[in-house]
Every structure is written in C-alpha cells, then in structure tokens.
Amino acid sequence: MLDEVNIRHRAAYDEIADRFAKVNAEMPASYLGLAEEFGKLAGDGPILDLGCGAGRDMAFWADRGHRVVGLDLSLGMLRQAAARSGQPLTQADMRGLPFRDGVFVGVWCSASLLHLPKALAPVVLAEVARVLRPGGVLMVALKEGGGEGWEDESFWNASGGVTRFFARYAPAEVDALLAVDFDTRLRRRHTSEIGVAWLTHLAVRSH
C-alpha cells in the first residue's frame, strides 16, 4: 500500500509529465562523462533506470546498444517514456523492486531517491543491491544540502505549480549509505545551469 509521499508524488508527476518531458528532453552535458564511466563498469547486460521519468536516459542508453528496463511510480511519466524509448517499462515502488535477484549489470538512479525520506533510502539501496549482479554498478544522483521536506514549485504549470518532497544530502551521508552494500568508485559534485548543487556517485555491489 502506498504511503502519503508516494501518493502525492505520483499525482504530481502525472500532472506535469508532458511539460517535464519537454523541459528534460536531452541528457545534460554534465552527465556525459559520468555515463561513459558507468557504461564501462556495467559492461554488457540489462540496465535498470530506477525512477525513469519521461524516458530521456532510457533512450540515451538504448541508442548506445544497451538493454534498458524503466521503472517509475507515475503512469503519466511511463506514458512519456513509452513514446520516447520503446523499451520495457514497469510501474512500481522503488522499495520493492519486481525483479529477480542479480538480473541487472547496472542501476541508473538519477534524481529519484531524493524524493523519499532519508529513513527509507537504506531500503531502496538494499533492493538495488539485490537486483544487481555481483560487481554490478549503481549511479545515484542526489541534491546536495541538508534536511528534507515538501517544496512548492510554480514552474511546472499554469495552475499554481506542484508540491514535491526533497531530501538533500551531505557527501558523508551518501558515503555512509552506500558503504553497506557498495564500494564507491567515483564521487563528483557539480552545479547545474540553474545553480543546484548535485552529488553523483558510481559504486559497485561489494558482495
């Protein structure tokens, strides 16, 4: 059964799916080097785009010959992803991934874990470790900062915007979360074109 955070997020992303797809149509240049390293570590095999949104990153990986499965909670986003990527999709909660153990060589988790309270992040990362093969790679991108809570945004539509939950992390928090099941291979901090500080990590399943 979905809790309040997921119910509200699903409704918000269903509402803004069309505009979100247009605004986020291309992989940011700041991601390209990271994606290259991720691809090298993952090698051949299926990749899970965890919180795939409108399918931008799924299309990126599919264009480079990778098999990709997208997972998202929002049906509106999945419809956009279906039109964009043509890859398999599933609607599910990140805390209970509907996949067999060890089925993926990589999990790409871009700006999705940050929509859950920090107390739930270990549950998601344990599920990620479960569905990754030994030595499989995780990319996780999180907003840098502190605290968590609901934030109002007027950008996304003309009817007063949407409210989304964000958890912001310090670098040491991310390291501690990943250390349970992963060995971190790359840490990077960058600031987006609109001034948002991001933390990105590449880590491999350690056991």
Protein backbone atom coordinates (compact mmCIF):
# COMPACT_ATOMS: atom_id res chain seq x y z
CA MET A 1 0.00 0.00 0.00
CA LEU A 2 1.38 3.40 -0.98
CA ASP A 3 2.09 5.98 1.70
CA GLU A 4 1.41 9.72 1.54
CA VAL A 5 4.77 10.58 -0.02
CA ASN A 6 4.29 8.21 -2.94
CA ILE A 7 0.62 9.04 -3.44
CA ARG A 8 1.37 12.76 -3.64
CA HIS A 9 4.38 12.29 -5.88
CA ARG A 10 2.55 10.03 -8.27
CA ALA A 11 -0.20 12.65 -8.64
CA ALA A 12 2.32 15.49 -9.07
CA TYR A 13 4.31 13.73 -11.78
CA ASP A 14 1.17 12.57 -13.57
CA GLU A 15 0.14 16.25 -13.70
CA ILE A 16 3.42 17.63 -15.05
CA ALA A 17 4.54 14.68 -17.21
CA ASP A 18 4.11 16.41 -20.57
CA ARG A 19 5.99 19.57 -19.59
CA PHE A 20 8.62 17.58 -17.72
CA ALA A 21 9.36 15.56 -20.85
CA LYS A 22 9.82 18.71 -22.91
CA VAL A 23 12.00 20.53 -20.38
CA ASN A 24 14.19 17.45 -19.80
CA ALA A 25 14.47 16.30 -23.39
CA GLU A 26 18.26 15.84 -23.59
CA MET A 27 20.88 14.27 -21.36
CA PRO A 28 22.76 17.15 -19.66
CA ALA A 29 26.33 17.66 -20.83
CA SER A 30 27.45 17.32 -17.20
CA TYR A 31 26.25 13.69 -17.26
CA LEU A 32 28.12 12.52 -20.34
CA GLY A 33 31.45 11.72 -18.69
CA LEU A 34 29.66 10.02 -15.82
CA ALA A 35 27.60 7.95 -18.25
CA GLU A 36 30.76 6.86 -20.06
CA GLU A 37 32.29 5.60 -16.81
CA PHE A 38 29.03 3.90 -15.84
CA GLY A 39 28.92 2.10 -19.19
CA LYS A 40 32.48 0.85 -18.79
CA LEU A 41 31.78 -0.53 -15.32
CA ALA A 42 28.45 -2.08 -16.31
CA GLY A 43 29.64 -3.81 -19.46
CA ASP A 44 27.11 -5.87 -21.41
CA GLY A 45 23.75 -6.77 -19.95
CA PRO A 46 20.47 -5.18 -18.87
CA ILE A 47 20.33 -1.81 -17.09
CA LEU A 48 17.55 -0.64 -14.78
CA ASP A 49 16.62 3.04 -14.97
CA LEU A 50 15.23 3.48 -11.46
CA GLY A 51 12.80 6.38 -11.48
CA CYS A 52 12.99 6.62 -15.26
CA GLY A 53 10.65 9.60 -15.55
CA ALA A 54 9.89 10.55 -19.15
CA GLY A 55 12.46 8.15 -20.59
CA ARG A 56 15.26 10.56 -21.50
CA ASP A 57 18.05 8.45 -20.02
CA MET A 58 16.48 5.20 -21.19
CA ALA A 59 16.65 6.48 -24.76
CA PHE A 60 20.28 7.53 -24.21
CA TRP A 61 21.28 4.03 -23.16
CA ALA A 62 19.18 2.28 -25.79
CA ASP A 63 20.78 4.42 -28.51
CA ARG A 64 24.12 3.06 -27.35
CA GLY A 65 23.06 -0.54 -27.68
CA HIS A 66 22.13 -1.33 -24.08
CA ARG A 67 19.06 -3.24 -23.00
CA VAL A 68 17.15 -1.00 -20.59
CA VAL A 69 14.18 -1.50 -18.27
CA GLY A 70 12.47 1.58 -16.87
CA LEU A 71 10.66 1.76 -13.54
CA ASP A 72 8.58 4.66 -12.28
CA LEU A 73 5.63 5.23 -9.98
CA SER A 74 3.91 7.75 -12.26
CA LEU A 75 1.77 6.38 -15.08
CA GLY A 76 1.94 9.76 -16.79
CA MET A 77 5.73 9.57 -16.84
CA LEU A 78 5.67 5.99 -18.06
CA ARG A 79 3.48 7.01 -20.98
CA GLN A 80 6.05 9.62 -21.93
CA ALA A 81 8.83 7.05 -21.58
CA ALA A 82 6.97 4.57 -23.77
CA ALA A 83 6.73 7.13 -26.55
CA ARG A 84 10.39 8.13 -26.16
CA SER A 85 12.32 4.92 -25.59
CA GLY A 86 10.39 1.90 -26.84
CA GLN A 87 11.97 -0.13 -24.01
CA PRO A 88 10.27 -2.32 -21.35
CA LEU A 89 8.59 -0.40 -18.53
CA THR A 90 7.06 -1.21 -15.17
CA GLN A 91 5.08 0.78 -12.63
CA ALA A 92 6.30 0.08 -9.09
CA ASP A 93 7.60 1.46 -5.80
CA MET A 94 11.40 1.63 -5.51
CA ARG A 95 11.22 -0.02 -2.10
CA GLY A 96 10.00 -3.30 -3.58
CA LEU A 97 11.55 -3.96 -6.99
CA PRO A 98 9.62 -6.57 -9.01
CA PHE A 99 12.74 -8.26 -10.42
CA ARG A 100 14.77 -11.38 -9.74
CA ASP A 101 17.97 -11.29 -7.72
CA GLY A 102 21.07 -10.37 -9.71
CA VAL A 103 19.34 -9.66 -13.01
CA PHE A 104 20.93 -6.27 -13.85
CA VAL A 105 24.52 -5.22 -14.58
CA GLY A 106 23.74 -1.61 -13.74
CA VAL A 107 21.17 0.56 -11.99
CA TRP A 108 20.91 4.21 -13.07
CA CYS A 109 19.19 6.22 -10.32
CA SER A 110 19.11 9.85 -11.40
CA ALA A 111 17.24 12.33 -9.16
CA SER A 112 14.75 9.76 -7.88
CA LEU A 113 15.99 8.52 -4.49
CA LEU A 114 15.88 12.14 -3.32
CA HIS A 115 12.06 12.05 -3.42
CA LEU A 116 11.88 9.67 -0.45
CA PRO A 117 12.54 10.45 3.22
CA LYS A 118 16.11 9.67 4.21
CA ALA A 119 14.92 6.94 6.59
CA LEU A 120 13.73 4.95 3.56
CA ALA A 121 16.92 5.27 1.49
CA PRO A 122 18.55 2.14 3.02
CA VAL A 123 15.53 0.05 1.99
CA VAL A 124 15.85 1.19 -1.63
CA LEU A 125 19.60 0.66 -1.73
CA ALA A 126 19.22 -2.86 -0.32
CA GLU A 127 16.76 -3.61 -3.12
CA VAL A 128 19.19 -2.17 -5.67
CA ALA A 129 21.97 -4.39 -4.32
CA ARG A 130 19.65 -7.40 -4.51
CA VAL A 131 18.77 -6.94 -8.20
CA LEU A 132 22.36 -6.16 -9.23
CA ARG A 133 24.78 -8.89 -10.18
CA PRO A 134 27.93 -9.13 -8.01
CA GLY A 135 30.16 -6.33 -9.24
CA GLY A 136 27.21 -4.54 -10.85
CA VAL A 137 27.31 -0.75 -10.84
CA LEU A 138 24.98 1.86 -9.34
CA MET A 139 24.84 5.51 -10.35
CA VAL A 140 22.99 7.67 -7.85
CA ALA A 141 22.48 11.44 -8.21
CA LEU A 142 21.24 13.46 -5.23
CA LYS A 143 20.84 17.14 -4.41
CA GLU A 144 23.48 18.43 -2.02
CA GLY A 145 22.42 20.12 1.19
CA GLY A 146 20.65 19.29 4.43
CA GLY A 147 17.18 18.43 5.62
CA GLU A 148 14.10 17.13 3.87
CA GLY A 149 10.51 18.18 3.30
CA TRP A 150 7.81 19.29 0.87
CA GLU A 151 8.63 22.12 -1.53
CA ASP A 152 6.24 24.17 -3.66
CA GLU A 153 7.21 24.90 -7.26
CA SER A 154 5.36 27.23 -9.60
CA PHE A 155 7.46 26.45 -12.67
CA TRP A 156 5.77 23.33 -13.95
CA ASN A 157 2.29 24.51 -14.93
CA ALA A 158 -0.06 27.47 -15.02
CA SER A 159 -2.41 26.23 -12.31
CA GLY A 160 -0.29 27.03 -9.28
CA GLY A 161 2.53 24.53 -9.64
CA VAL A 162 3.13 21.30 -7.77
CA THR A 163 4.49 20.22 -4.41
CA ARG A 164 7.26 17.63 -4.28
CA PHE A 165 9.26 16.06 -1.44
CA PHE A 166 13.03 16.52 -1.50
CA ALA A 167 15.75 15.07 0.71
CA ARG A 168 19.13 16.80 0.42
CA TYR A 169 22.35 15.05 1.38
CA ALA A 170 25.84 15.89 2.60
CA PRO A 171 28.66 13.92 0.92
CA ALA A 172 29.37 11.97 4.12
CA GLU A 173 25.71 10.86 4.31
CA VAL A 174 25.89 9.39 0.82
CA ASP A 175 29.15 7.61 1.58
CA ALA A 176 27.66 6.06 4.71
CA LEU A 177 24.54 4.87 2.88
CA LEU A 178 26.49 3.28 0.06
CA ALA A 179 29.09 1.63 2.29
CA VAL A 180 26.60 -1.01 3.48
CA ASP A 181 26.43 -2.85 0.15
CA PHE A 182 28.70 -0.96 -2.27
CA ASP A 183 32.27 0.11 -2.94
CA THR A 184 32.31 3.67 -4.25
CA ARG A 185 34.48 4.15 -7.34
CA LEU A 186 33.75 7.78 -8.24
CA ARG A 187 32.41 10.81 -6.38
CA ARG A 188 31.58 14.06 -8.08
CA ARG A 189 29.98 17.36 -7.17
CA HIS A 190 28.69 19.74 -9.82
CA THR A 191 26.38 22.72 -10.04
CA SER A 192 23.63 22.75 -12.65
CA GLU A 193 22.90 25.57 -15.07
CA ILE A 194 20.24 26.86 -12.65
CA GLY A 195 22.53 26.78 -9.63
CA VAL A 196 21.54 23.47 -7.99
CA ALA A 197 24.40 21.54 -6.36
CA TRP A 198 24.39 17.82 -7.16
CA LEU A 199 26.28 14.85 -5.73
CA THR A 200 26.81 11.90 -8.05
CA HIS A 201 28.36 8.57 -7.09
CA LEU A 202 29.33 5.48 -9.03
CA ALA A 203 29.54 2.40 -6.80
CA VAL A 204 29.78 -1.33 -7.40
CA ARG A 205 27.99 -4.04 -5.45
CA SER A 206 30.53 -5.33 -2.96
CA HIS A 207 29.07 -8.75 -2.06
